[in-house]
Amino acid sequence: MRRTLSLALAGIAVAAAAMSGASATAPDTVRATPDGLRWGPCPQEAASRNADAPRLECATLDVPLDYRDPGGRQIEIAVSRLASKDPSKRRGVLLTNPGGPGVSGVDYPALLPGAGLPKGVLDSYDVIGFDPRGVGRSTPVTCHLTPQQQARGNFPPYAHTAADVAEEAPYARTIAEQCATSRTAWMLPHTTTANTARDMDRIRAALGEPKTSYFGSSYGSYLGAVYTTLFPERSDRIVLDSNMGPGGYDLASFRLLGRGMEDRFPDFAAYAAAHPEYGLGTTPKQVTAKFFELAKRLDAEPVGGIDGTGLRGVTFENLYIEGFMPKLAAEWQLLDKGKPLPTPAPISENFLASHFYVTCGDSRWPGRVRDYQRNAAIDRLAYPMLGGTTGNIKPCAYWPDSRVEPPVRIGDRGPSNVLMVQNERDPGTPLVGAMKTRRAFGDRATMVTADQGGHGVYPFGRNTCANDTVTAFLTDGQLPAEDLACAAEPNK
């Protein structure tokens, strides 16, 4: 079975948890009372190896399906809490989101201490997690995807020609039709980032807090940007890590992933060249040439189900984390020798379905095949490593026209309480997109950039300057007087 790209713009803490063997916990069905949330234990399951999982409490909150009709049909939102250990230092609540869209966030508060969230932050807040609407235990959506469709993932194959785009179009249409006729299709118009932000404000109210602070990474940065745009007066300290563009996961951001891979790949090329034992080249130029040579060879003769698209996927996903470079080099080495890679873990149907619901429901995508043929041709030239994929057609092209509101426009209305933090060479949320969001926020935001690669900065990154700046803001409200550029630091 061909392995393709299957990525959410997920926070690096989720990947770090996977490295340690932890998995998400799911909350018991503990109902909210009219005057707040009634907390109960969360099943631990495989996350028992996570030392902070036993402290996590869970509850369920009912929210409107359609906020234009708040007294109408309700859906469930699963919520979790890692309470402050020091009530005397507690400032309030810190809502969190690890990324996505499509990623569960209910276990995230229990993962953050192990990922390095400082004690001062943990003492200052009850850290709140939740599964966004449509995800996990929060009234999950489906597209009735088959195992074969799940294996195809959420990225189309690399389009070498206009004919490749035309060949992918019927598959994209099929997925869109399955979502539109699924048993949860009634949620299609309402499974959006804006409504998830409104759900967050319902969580804040149920917690009895006049304001909430927020920490979100990757897609979670866009969710936080939408929340603080809709509810500026209820936003306390807002930290947005690994920032998407101001349009969220729209067509522009998806195409920008090609730029992200080009920004980040030189770091891997330098690593592989410095480790000639992998046999991938002794200079960055040779390693880059090996990428294209290997992709061409695998297109002609796949190895263990991995073709050129699969190589691009393996490479792109491993560029997210600095510690994955040895793994990536070893995988290239195997493929170069004609040896298959280990079988990847299956992709959750709910992740893919909710990912499509949000990305296709948040914004309009072109509906003509020739638009994507043109995009693929442009992006193959500009970003040859990944551009043929990010220019190709997706199910959003055939999404039903059932949107009930336009996307939220990120702007500069509200207090100056947004701290953006960003790696300079981020493959998943490239710096050029983050800078557009920074400009959209105007005086509301201060931005910290770190001279390093990878997806995710805080709290597990290697850059002390960036980490300390975020911690000072969350604990003491201190912001740099102006945007801050943090120099590169040695690997730790």
Protein backbone atom coordinates (compact mmCIF):
# COMPACT_ATOMS: atom_id res chain seq x y z
CA MET A 1 0.00 0.00 0.00
CA ARG A 2 1.44 3.35 -1.02
CA ARG A 3 2.44 5.57 1.85
CA THR A 4 1.58 9.22 1.33
CA LEU A 5 1.74 12.40 3.36
CA SER A 6 -0.65 12.42 6.30
CA LEU A 7 -0.03 15.40 8.50
CA ALA A 8 -1.89 17.71 10.76
CA LEU A 9 -0.33 20.99 11.74
CA ALA A 10 0.06 19.55 15.20
CA GLY A 11 2.04 20.93 18.11
CA ILE A 12 5.40 19.31 18.72
CA ALA A 13 4.41 18.21 22.23
CA VAL A 14 2.11 15.65 20.65
CA ALA A 15 5.01 14.23 18.68
CA ALA A 16 7.17 14.32 21.79
CA ALA A 17 4.54 12.32 23.62
CA ALA A 18 4.59 9.75 20.84
CA MET A 19 8.35 9.47 21.24
CA SER A 20 7.92 8.67 24.93
CA GLY A 21 5.18 6.09 24.32
CA ALA A 22 2.32 8.07 25.88
CA SER A 23 -1.09 8.19 24.20
CA ALA A 24 -4.16 10.31 24.64
CA THR A 25 -6.55 9.69 27.47
CA ALA A 26 -10.29 10.01 27.00
CA PRO A 27 -12.58 11.52 29.63
CA ASP A 28 -15.33 9.66 31.41
CA THR A 29 -18.79 10.99 30.63
CA VAL A 30 -19.01 13.45 33.51
CA ARG A 31 -21.74 15.97 32.83
CA ALA A 32 -21.56 19.70 33.46
CA THR A 33 -23.86 21.13 36.06
CA PRO A 34 -25.82 24.33 35.28
CA ASP A 35 -23.41 26.46 37.31
CA GLY A 36 -20.13 25.05 36.00
CA LEU A 37 -18.16 21.88 35.28
CA ARG A 38 -18.33 18.78 37.44
CA TRP A 39 -14.92 17.14 37.38
CA GLY A 40 -14.20 13.43 37.50
CA PRO A 41 -11.30 11.07 36.80
CA CYS A 42 -9.94 10.48 33.30
CA PRO A 43 -9.17 6.90 32.25
CA GLN A 44 -5.41 6.51 32.04
CA GLU A 45 -5.06 3.67 29.51
CA ALA A 46 -1.59 3.66 27.91
CA ALA A 47 -0.84 7.13 29.23
CA SER A 48 -0.17 5.65 32.66
CA ARG A 49 3.53 6.15 31.92
CA ASN A 50 2.86 9.89 31.91
CA ALA A 51 3.52 10.99 35.48
CA ASP A 52 1.01 13.86 35.33
CA ALA A 53 -1.89 11.90 33.82
CA PRO A 54 -3.33 10.84 37.23
CA ARG A 55 -3.75 14.53 38.18
CA LEU A 56 -5.82 15.24 35.08
CA GLU A 57 -9.54 15.74 35.66
CA CYS A 58 -12.24 15.55 33.00
CA ALA A 59 -15.76 16.81 32.38
CA THR A 60 -18.23 17.32 29.54
CA LEU A 61 -19.85 20.60 28.55
CA ASP A 62 -22.89 21.07 26.31
CA VAL A 63 -22.59 23.90 23.76
CA PRO A 64 -24.81 25.06 20.88
CA LEU A 65 -24.32 23.37 17.53
CA ASP A 66 -25.25 26.69 15.90
CA TYR A 67 -24.47 29.85 17.85
CA ARG A 68 -27.11 31.71 15.85
CA ASP A 69 -29.59 29.48 17.71
CA PRO A 70 -28.07 29.08 21.19
CA GLY A 71 -31.16 27.36 22.57
CA GLY A 72 -31.28 24.81 19.77
CA ARG A 73 -29.47 21.54 19.26
CA GLN A 74 -26.51 20.99 21.59
CA ILE A 75 -23.28 19.04 21.14
CA GLU A 76 -20.76 17.80 23.71
CA ILE A 77 -17.28 19.17 24.34
CA ALA A 78 -14.82 17.08 26.36
CA VAL A 79 -12.78 19.24 28.73
CA SER A 80 -9.80 18.48 30.98
CA ARG A 81 -8.00 20.30 33.79
CA LEU A 82 -4.55 20.07 35.34
CA ALA A 83 -5.10 22.17 38.45
CA SER A 84 -2.42 24.46 39.87
CA LYS A 85 -0.48 22.85 42.71
CA ASP A 86 -0.14 26.20 44.47
CA PRO A 87 -3.49 28.04 44.84
CA SER A 88 -1.69 31.00 46.44
CA LYS A 89 0.09 31.66 43.11
CA ARG A 90 -2.83 30.81 40.83
CA ARG A 91 -3.62 33.61 38.39
CA GLY A 92 -6.43 31.97 36.44
CA VAL A 93 -6.86 29.44 33.64
CA LEU A 94 -4.71 28.69 30.61
CA LEU A 95 -6.65 27.14 27.73
CA THR A 96 -4.47 25.08 25.41
CA ASN A 97 -4.57 23.51 21.97
CA PRO A 98 -1.79 21.34 20.46
CA GLY A 99 -2.67 21.85 16.79
CA GLY A 100 -4.49 20.03 14.06
CA PRO A 101 -7.18 20.50 12.98
CA GLY A 102 -8.31 17.05 13.95
CA VAL A 103 -6.03 16.44 16.93
CA SER A 104 -7.39 15.64 20.39
CA GLY A 105 -6.36 18.13 23.06
CA VAL A 106 -7.89 16.60 26.18
CA ASP A 107 -4.64 14.92 27.27
CA TYR A 108 -2.45 17.88 26.35
CA PRO A 109 -2.29 19.51 29.82
CA ALA A 110 -0.85 16.29 31.26
CA LEU A 111 1.81 16.16 28.52
CA LEU A 112 3.06 19.72 28.93
CA PRO A 113 4.91 19.28 32.25
CA GLY A 114 6.94 16.43 30.78
CA ALA A 115 7.61 18.56 27.70
CA GLY A 116 9.18 21.22 29.92
CA LEU A 117 6.41 23.65 30.86
CA PRO A 118 8.01 25.52 33.79
CA LYS A 119 6.79 25.13 37.34
CA GLY A 120 6.05 28.85 37.52
CA VAL A 121 3.54 28.52 34.71
CA LEU A 122 2.01 25.38 36.18
CA ASP A 123 1.60 27.16 39.53
CA SER A 124 0.08 30.24 37.89
CA TYR A 125 -2.73 28.47 36.05
CA ASP A 126 -5.16 25.64 35.93
CA VAL A 127 -4.13 24.27 32.54
CA ILE A 128 -7.23 23.43 30.50
CA GLY A 129 -7.44 21.06 27.55
CA PHE A 130 -10.35 20.08 25.34
CA ASP A 131 -11.24 18.11 22.25
CA PRO A 132 -12.41 20.61 19.63
CA ARG A 133 -15.91 20.03 18.28
CA GLY A 134 -15.97 17.05 15.95
CA VAL A 135 -12.83 15.52 17.45
CA GLY A 136 -12.42 12.58 19.82
CA ARG A 137 -15.09 12.73 22.55
CA SER A 138 -16.51 16.08 21.40
CA THR A 139 -19.39 14.81 19.22
CA PRO A 140 -17.02 13.22 16.70
CA VAL A 141 -17.59 13.55 12.97
CA THR A 142 -16.98 10.98 10.26
CA CYS A 143 -16.62 10.71 6.50
CA HIS A 144 -16.93 6.89 6.56
CA LEU A 145 -13.41 6.62 5.19
CA THR A 146 -12.22 3.15 4.29
CA PRO A 147 -8.85 1.81 5.51
CA GLN A 148 -7.48 2.44 2.02
CA GLN A 149 -8.70 6.04 2.11
CA GLN A 150 -7.23 6.51 5.57
CA ALA A 151 -3.89 5.28 4.22
CA ARG A 152 -4.07 7.96 1.51
CA GLY A 153 -4.06 10.59 4.24
CA ASN A 154 -4.88 14.29 3.93
CA PHE A 155 -2.27 15.25 1.34
CA PRO A 156 -2.69 14.45 -2.38
CA PRO A 157 0.09 12.69 -4.28
CA TYR A 158 2.85 14.64 -5.99
CA ALA A 159 1.62 15.96 -9.33
CA HIS A 160 4.39 15.85 -11.94
CA THR A 161 2.04 16.90 -14.75
CA ALA A 162 -1.38 18.44 -15.37
CA ALA A 163 -2.64 14.93 -16.08
CA ASP A 164 -1.71 13.89 -12.54
CA VAL A 165 -3.99 16.62 -11.16
CA ALA A 166 -6.85 15.52 -13.40
CA GLU A 167 -6.32 11.93 -12.26
CA GLU A 168 -6.57 12.96 -8.59
CA ALA A 169 -9.77 15.00 -9.04
CA PRO A 170 -12.26 12.07 -8.95
CA TYR A 171 -10.74 10.84 -5.69
CA ALA A 172 -11.00 14.31 -4.14
CA ARG A 173 -14.64 14.51 -5.23
CA THR A 174 -15.36 11.08 -3.74
CA ILE A 175 -14.03 12.10 -0.32
CA ALA A 176 -16.05 15.33 -0.37
CA GLU A 177 -19.21 13.42 -1.26
CA GLN A 178 -18.63 10.88 1.50
CA CYS A 179 -18.28 13.67 4.05
CA ALA A 180 -21.38 15.43 2.71
CA THR A 181 -23.51 12.26 2.96
CA SER A 182 -22.11 10.88 6.21
CA ARG A 183 -24.21 10.35 9.32
CA THR A 184 -22.64 13.50 10.82
CA ALA A 185 -23.15 15.71 7.76
CA TRP A 186 -25.51 17.86 9.86
CA MET A 187 -22.36 19.19 11.54
CA LEU A 188 -20.66 20.27 8.29
CA PRO A 189 -21.70 23.96 8.33
CA HIS A 190 -20.90 24.33 12.03
CA THR A 191 -17.54 22.54 12.42
CA THR A 192 -15.36 25.60 12.01
CA THR A 193 -12.56 27.37 13.81
CA ALA A 194 -14.87 30.25 14.68
CA ASN A 195 -17.34 27.94 16.42
CA THR A 196 -14.54 26.14 18.24
CA ALA A 197 -13.41 29.55 19.50
CA ARG A 198 -16.96 30.19 20.70
CA ASP A 199 -16.87 26.81 22.45
CA MET A 200 -13.70 27.99 24.21
CA ASP A 201 -15.56 31.00 25.52
CA ARG A 202 -18.29 28.70 26.83
CA ILE A 203 -15.58 26.72 28.62
CA ARG A 204 -14.26 29.95 30.14
CA ALA A 205 -17.72 30.86 31.36
CA ALA A 206 -18.34 27.38 32.78
CA LEU A 207 -15.08 27.70 34.71
CA GLY A 208 -16.37 30.93 36.25
CA GLU A 209 -13.49 33.02 34.88
CA PRO A 210 -13.94 36.59 33.59
CA LYS A 211 -10.94 36.12 31.27
CA THR A 212 -8.78 33.30 29.98
CA SER A 213 -5.15 33.03 28.98
CA TYR A 214 -4.27 30.80 26.06
CA PHE A 215 -1.38 28.77 24.66
CA GLY A 216 -1.81 27.23 21.21
CA SER A 217 0.68 25.79 18.76
CA SER A 218 0.52 25.29 14.99
CA TYR A 219 -3.16 25.25 13.93
CA GLY A 220 -3.75 26.12 17.59
CA SER A 221 -2.11 29.47 16.84
CA TYR A 222 -4.87 30.26 14.37
CA LEU A 223 -7.54 29.06 16.80
CA GLY A 224 -6.10 31.41 19.43
CA ALA A 225 -5.93 34.27 16.94
CA VAL A 226 -9.60 33.76 16.10
CA TYR A 227 -10.55 33.54 19.78
CA THR A 228 -8.82 36.76 20.78
CA THR A 229 -10.28 38.49 17.70
CA LEU A 230 -13.82 37.44 18.59
CA PHE A 231 -13.40 37.98 22.34
CA PRO A 232 -10.65 40.58 22.91
CA GLU A 233 -12.16 41.76 26.19
CA ARG A 234 -12.09 38.21 27.59
CA SER A 235 -8.50 37.49 26.54
CA ASP A 236 -5.81 37.70 29.21
CA ARG A 237 -2.34 36.53 28.09
CA ILE A 238 -2.32 34.97 24.62
CA VAL A 239 0.67 32.92 23.38
CA LEU A 240 0.63 31.77 19.77
CA ASP A 241 3.42 29.34 18.82
CA SER A 242 4.39 28.29 15.27
CA ASN A 243 1.98 30.62 13.58
CA MET A 244 -0.18 30.04 10.54
CA GLY A 245 -1.08 32.82 8.17
CA PRO A 246 -4.08 35.03 9.01
CA GLY A 247 -6.38 32.88 6.86
CA GLY A 248 -5.73 29.73 8.86
CA TYR A 249 -5.47 26.41 7.04
CA ASP A 250 -6.66 27.86 3.72
CA LEU A 251 -5.36 27.23 0.22
CA ALA A 252 -2.60 29.80 0.64
CA SER A 253 -1.32 28.14 3.83
CA PHE A 254 -1.46 24.68 2.28
CA ARG A 255 0.56 25.81 -0.73
CA LEU A 256 3.01 27.51 1.62
CA LEU A 257 4.07 24.12 3.01
CA GLY A 258 6.19 23.77 -0.12
CA ARG A 259 8.10 26.87 0.98
CA GLY A 260 8.37 25.44 4.49
CA MET A 261 10.11 22.30 3.28
CA GLU A 262 12.56 24.35 1.21
CA ASP A 263 13.30 26.55 4.25
CA ARG A 264 13.94 23.59 6.54
CA PHE A 265 15.61 20.99 4.31
CA PRO A 266 19.09 22.61 4.35
CA ASP A 267 19.31 21.80 8.08
CA PHE A 268 18.87 18.11 7.31
CA ALA A 269 21.22 18.28 4.33
CA ALA A 270 23.92 19.70 6.60
CA TYR A 271 23.27 16.98 9.20
CA ALA A 272 23.43 14.13 6.69
CA ALA A 273 26.58 15.55 5.08
CA ALA A 274 28.22 15.71 8.51
CA HIS A 275 27.42 12.00 9.02
CA PRO A 276 28.87 10.23 5.98
CA GLU A 277 28.14 6.85 7.58
CA TYR A 278 24.62 7.13 6.14
CA GLY A 279 26.01 7.21 2.60
CA LEU A 280 23.77 10.07 1.49
CA GLY A 281 26.53 12.47 0.45
CA THR A 282 29.40 14.38 2.01
CA THR A 283 28.17 17.87 1.14
CA PRO A 284 24.70 19.46 1.48
CA LYS A 285 24.58 19.74 -2.31
CA GLN A 286 25.12 15.99 -2.67
CA VAL A 287 22.42 15.23 -0.07
CA THR A 288 19.97 17.47 -1.93
CA ALA A 289 20.79 15.71 -5.20
CA LYS A 290 20.23 12.37 -3.46
CA PHE A 291 16.70 13.48 -2.51
CA PHE A 292 15.68 14.08 -6.11
CA GLU A 293 17.50 10.99 -7.40
CA LEU A 294 15.84 8.78 -4.78
CA ALA A 295 12.40 10.29 -5.39
CA LYS A 296 12.69 9.63 -9.12
CA ARG A 297 13.86 6.07 -8.55
CA LEU A 298 11.04 5.31 -6.10
CA ASP A 299 8.46 6.72 -8.52
CA ALA A 300 9.70 4.19 -11.07
CA GLU A 301 10.03 1.31 -8.60
CA PRO A 302 8.44 1.78 -5.12
CA VAL A 303 10.02 0.07 -2.12
CA GLY A 304 7.67 -1.46 0.42
CA GLY A 305 4.81 0.65 -0.92
CA ILE A 306 6.79 3.90 -0.77
CA ASP A 307 7.10 5.86 -3.99
CA GLY A 308 8.42 9.37 -4.58
CA THR A 309 5.40 10.90 -2.85
CA GLY A 310 6.04 8.63 0.12
CA LEU A 311 9.67 9.76 0.31
CA ARG A 312 8.55 13.37 0.33
CA GLY A 313 6.11 12.57 3.11
CA VAL A 314 8.66 10.71 5.22
CA THR A 315 11.08 13.59 4.79
CA PHE A 316 8.62 16.40 5.46
CA GLU A 317 7.14 14.91 8.63
CA ASN A 318 10.56 14.15 10.14
CA LEU A 319 11.76 17.70 9.51
CA TYR A 320 9.32 18.83 12.21
CA ILE A 321 11.55 17.69 15.06
CA GLU A 322 15.30 18.22 15.41
CA GLY A 323 15.72 14.89 17.18
CA PHE A 324 14.24 13.03 14.22
CA MET A 325 17.14 13.77 11.87
CA PRO A 326 19.03 10.55 12.66
CA LYS A 327 15.81 8.61 12.09
CA LEU A 328 15.23 10.35 8.77
CA ALA A 329 18.79 9.69 7.60
CA ALA A 330 18.44 6.02 8.55
CA GLU A 331 15.15 5.78 6.62
CA TRP A 332 16.72 7.31 3.53
CA GLN A 333 19.54 4.82 3.86
CA LEU A 334 17.10 1.90 3.94
CA LEU A 335 15.18 3.13 0.91
CA ASP A 336 18.42 3.80 -0.97
CA LYS A 337 19.34 0.14 -0.43
CA GLY A 338 15.91 -1.05 -1.55
CA LYS A 339 14.79 -2.04 1.94
CA PRO A 340 11.27 -1.26 3.22
CA LEU A 341 10.51 0.98 6.17
CA PRO A 342 8.54 -0.11 9.25
CA THR A 343 4.79 0.01 8.74
CA PRO A 344 3.46 3.35 10.02
CA ALA A 345 0.70 3.52 12.61
CA PRO A 346 -2.79 3.69 11.07
CA ILE A 347 -4.34 7.11 10.69
CA SER A 348 -7.48 7.80 12.71
CA GLU A 349 -10.63 8.11 10.60
CA ASN A 350 -11.91 10.77 12.96
CA PHE A 351 -8.71 12.79 12.61
CA LEU A 352 -8.97 12.83 8.82
CA ALA A 353 -12.71 13.52 8.82
CA SER A 354 -12.52 16.39 11.30
CA HIS A 355 -9.47 17.75 9.47
CA PHE A 356 -11.49 17.91 6.25
CA TYR A 357 -14.54 19.36 8.02
CA VAL A 358 -12.54 22.30 9.39
CA THR A 359 -10.11 23.01 6.57
CA CYS A 360 -12.82 22.83 3.91
CA GLY A 361 -15.45 24.56 6.04
CA ASP A 362 -13.34 27.50 7.18
CA SER A 363 -12.68 28.97 3.74
CA ARG A 364 -13.56 28.54 0.08
CA TRP A 365 -11.18 26.66 -2.23
CA PRO A 366 -11.20 26.88 -6.05
CA GLY A 367 -13.55 24.39 -7.68
CA ARG A 368 -11.93 24.01 -11.10
CA VAL A 369 -9.32 21.38 -11.93
CA ARG A 370 -7.40 23.83 -14.11
CA ASP A 371 -6.82 26.11 -11.11
CA TYR A 372 -4.95 23.30 -9.36
CA GLN A 373 -3.11 22.35 -12.53
CA ARG A 374 -1.83 25.90 -12.68
CA ASN A 375 -0.97 25.92 -8.96
CA ALA A 376 0.93 22.65 -9.24
CA ALA A 377 2.89 23.89 -12.23
CA ILE A 378 3.84 27.09 -10.41
CA ASP A 379 4.72 25.39 -7.15
CA ARG A 380 6.75 22.60 -8.78
CA LEU A 381 9.05 25.29 -10.12
CA ALA A 382 9.14 27.41 -6.98
CA TYR A 383 9.32 24.56 -4.45
CA PRO A 384 10.31 21.39 -6.32
CA MET A 385 10.62 19.23 -3.22
CA LEU A 386 6.93 19.43 -2.24
CA GLY A 387 5.21 21.87 -4.59
CA GLY A 388 3.68 19.19 -6.77
CA THR A 389 1.77 17.94 -3.73
CA THR A 390 0.75 21.25 -2.19
CA GLY A 391 -0.43 22.50 -5.57
CA ASN A 392 -2.56 19.41 -6.22
CA ILE A 393 -6.31 19.16 -5.78
CA LYS A 394 -7.98 18.31 -2.44
CA PRO A 395 -11.53 17.41 -1.34
CA CYS A 396 -12.11 21.06 -0.43
CA ALA A 397 -12.48 21.77 -4.15
CA TYR A 398 -15.79 19.87 -4.09
CA TRP A 399 -17.02 20.81 -0.64
CA PRO A 400 -20.75 21.54 -0.32
CA ASP A 401 -21.58 25.22 -0.32
CA SER A 402 -23.13 25.21 3.16
CA ARG A 403 -21.05 27.81 4.97
CA VAL A 404 -23.08 29.97 7.35
CA GLU A 405 -20.52 32.74 7.90
CA PRO A 406 -17.32 34.11 6.35
CA PRO A 407 -13.91 33.43 7.97
CA VAL A 408 -12.94 35.61 10.91
CA ARG A 409 -10.69 38.46 9.85
CA ILE A 410 -7.70 38.78 12.18
CA GLY A 411 -7.18 42.45 13.06
CA ASP A 412 -5.69 44.92 15.50
CA ARG A 413 -8.73 45.70 17.65
CA GLY A 414 -8.12 44.87 21.29
CA PRO A 415 -5.42 45.01 23.97
CA SER A 416 -1.73 44.45 23.29
CA ASN A 417 -1.66 41.04 24.92
CA VAL A 418 -0.61 38.66 22.12
CA LEU A 419 2.87 37.11 22.11
CA MET A 420 3.80 35.28 18.92
CA VAL A 421 6.79 32.92 18.98
CA GLN A 422 8.22 31.40 15.82
CA ASN A 423 11.15 29.37 14.49
CA GLU A 424 12.81 30.91 11.45
CA ARG A 425 12.91 27.57 9.57
CA ASP A 426 9.58 25.95 10.38
CA PRO A 427 8.41 23.46 7.72
CA GLY A 428 4.79 23.31 8.87
CA THR A 429 4.11 26.98 9.53
CA PRO A 430 6.74 28.91 7.56
CA LEU A 431 7.98 32.26 8.83
CA VAL A 432 6.61 34.12 5.81
CA GLY A 433 3.05 33.15 6.80
CA ALA A 434 3.65 34.01 10.44
CA MET A 435 4.82 37.47 9.43
CA LYS A 436 1.49 38.06 7.67
CA THR A 437 -0.33 37.27 10.90
CA ARG A 438 2.02 39.55 12.80
CA ARG A 439 1.16 42.41 10.45
CA ALA A 440 -2.55 41.67 10.74
CA PHE A 441 -2.40 41.97 14.53
CA GLY A 442 -0.61 45.32 14.39
CA ASP A 443 -0.04 46.79 17.85
CA ARG A 444 -1.88 43.92 19.51
CA ALA A 445 1.09 41.56 19.07
CA THR A 446 4.77 41.25 19.85
CA MET A 447 6.74 38.62 17.94
CA VAL A 448 9.75 36.56 18.99
CA THR A 449 11.67 34.70 16.29
CA ALA A 450 14.27 32.03 17.07
CA ASP A 451 17.13 31.23 14.72
CA GLN A 452 16.46 27.50 14.61
CA GLY A 453 14.52 24.95 12.61
CA GLY A 454 11.62 22.65 13.34
CA HIS A 455 7.98 22.97 14.23
CA GLY A 456 7.28 24.25 17.72
CA VAL A 457 9.24 26.57 20.00
CA TYR A 458 7.83 26.50 23.53
CA PRO A 459 8.43 24.96 26.03
CA PHE A 460 10.65 22.19 24.65
CA GLY A 461 12.80 24.16 22.20
CA ARG A 462 16.53 24.65 22.43
CA ASN A 463 16.42 28.46 22.42
CA THR A 464 16.67 29.87 25.94
CA CYS A 465 15.98 33.42 24.78
CA ALA A 466 12.63 32.48 23.23
CA ASN A 467 11.60 30.13 26.03
CA ASP A 468 12.39 32.61 28.78
CA THR A 469 10.47 35.37 26.98
CA VAL A 470 7.32 33.24 26.84
CA THR A 471 7.64 32.14 30.46
CA ALA A 472 8.08 35.75 31.64
CA PHE A 473 4.93 36.77 29.79
CA LEU A 474 2.80 33.92 31.12
CA THR A 475 3.99 34.30 34.71
CA ASP A 476 4.59 38.04 35.08
CA GLY A 477 2.96 39.65 32.05
CA GLN A 478 6.31 40.94 30.78
CA LEU A 479 6.53 41.60 27.05
CA PRO A 480 9.54 42.77 25.05
CA ALA A 481 9.38 46.46 24.19
CA GLU A 482 9.50 45.50 20.51
CA ASP A 483 9.73 42.42 18.33
CA LEU A 484 12.67 40.27 19.38
CA ALA A 485 15.05 38.15 17.30
CA CYS A 486 16.73 35.40 19.34
CA ALA A 487 20.10 34.24 18.03
CA ALA A 488 20.89 30.59 17.40
CA GLU A 489 22.11 28.57 20.37
CA PRO A 490 24.17 25.38 20.41
CA ASN A 491 22.27 22.10 20.36
CA LYS A 492 21.52 20.84 23.85
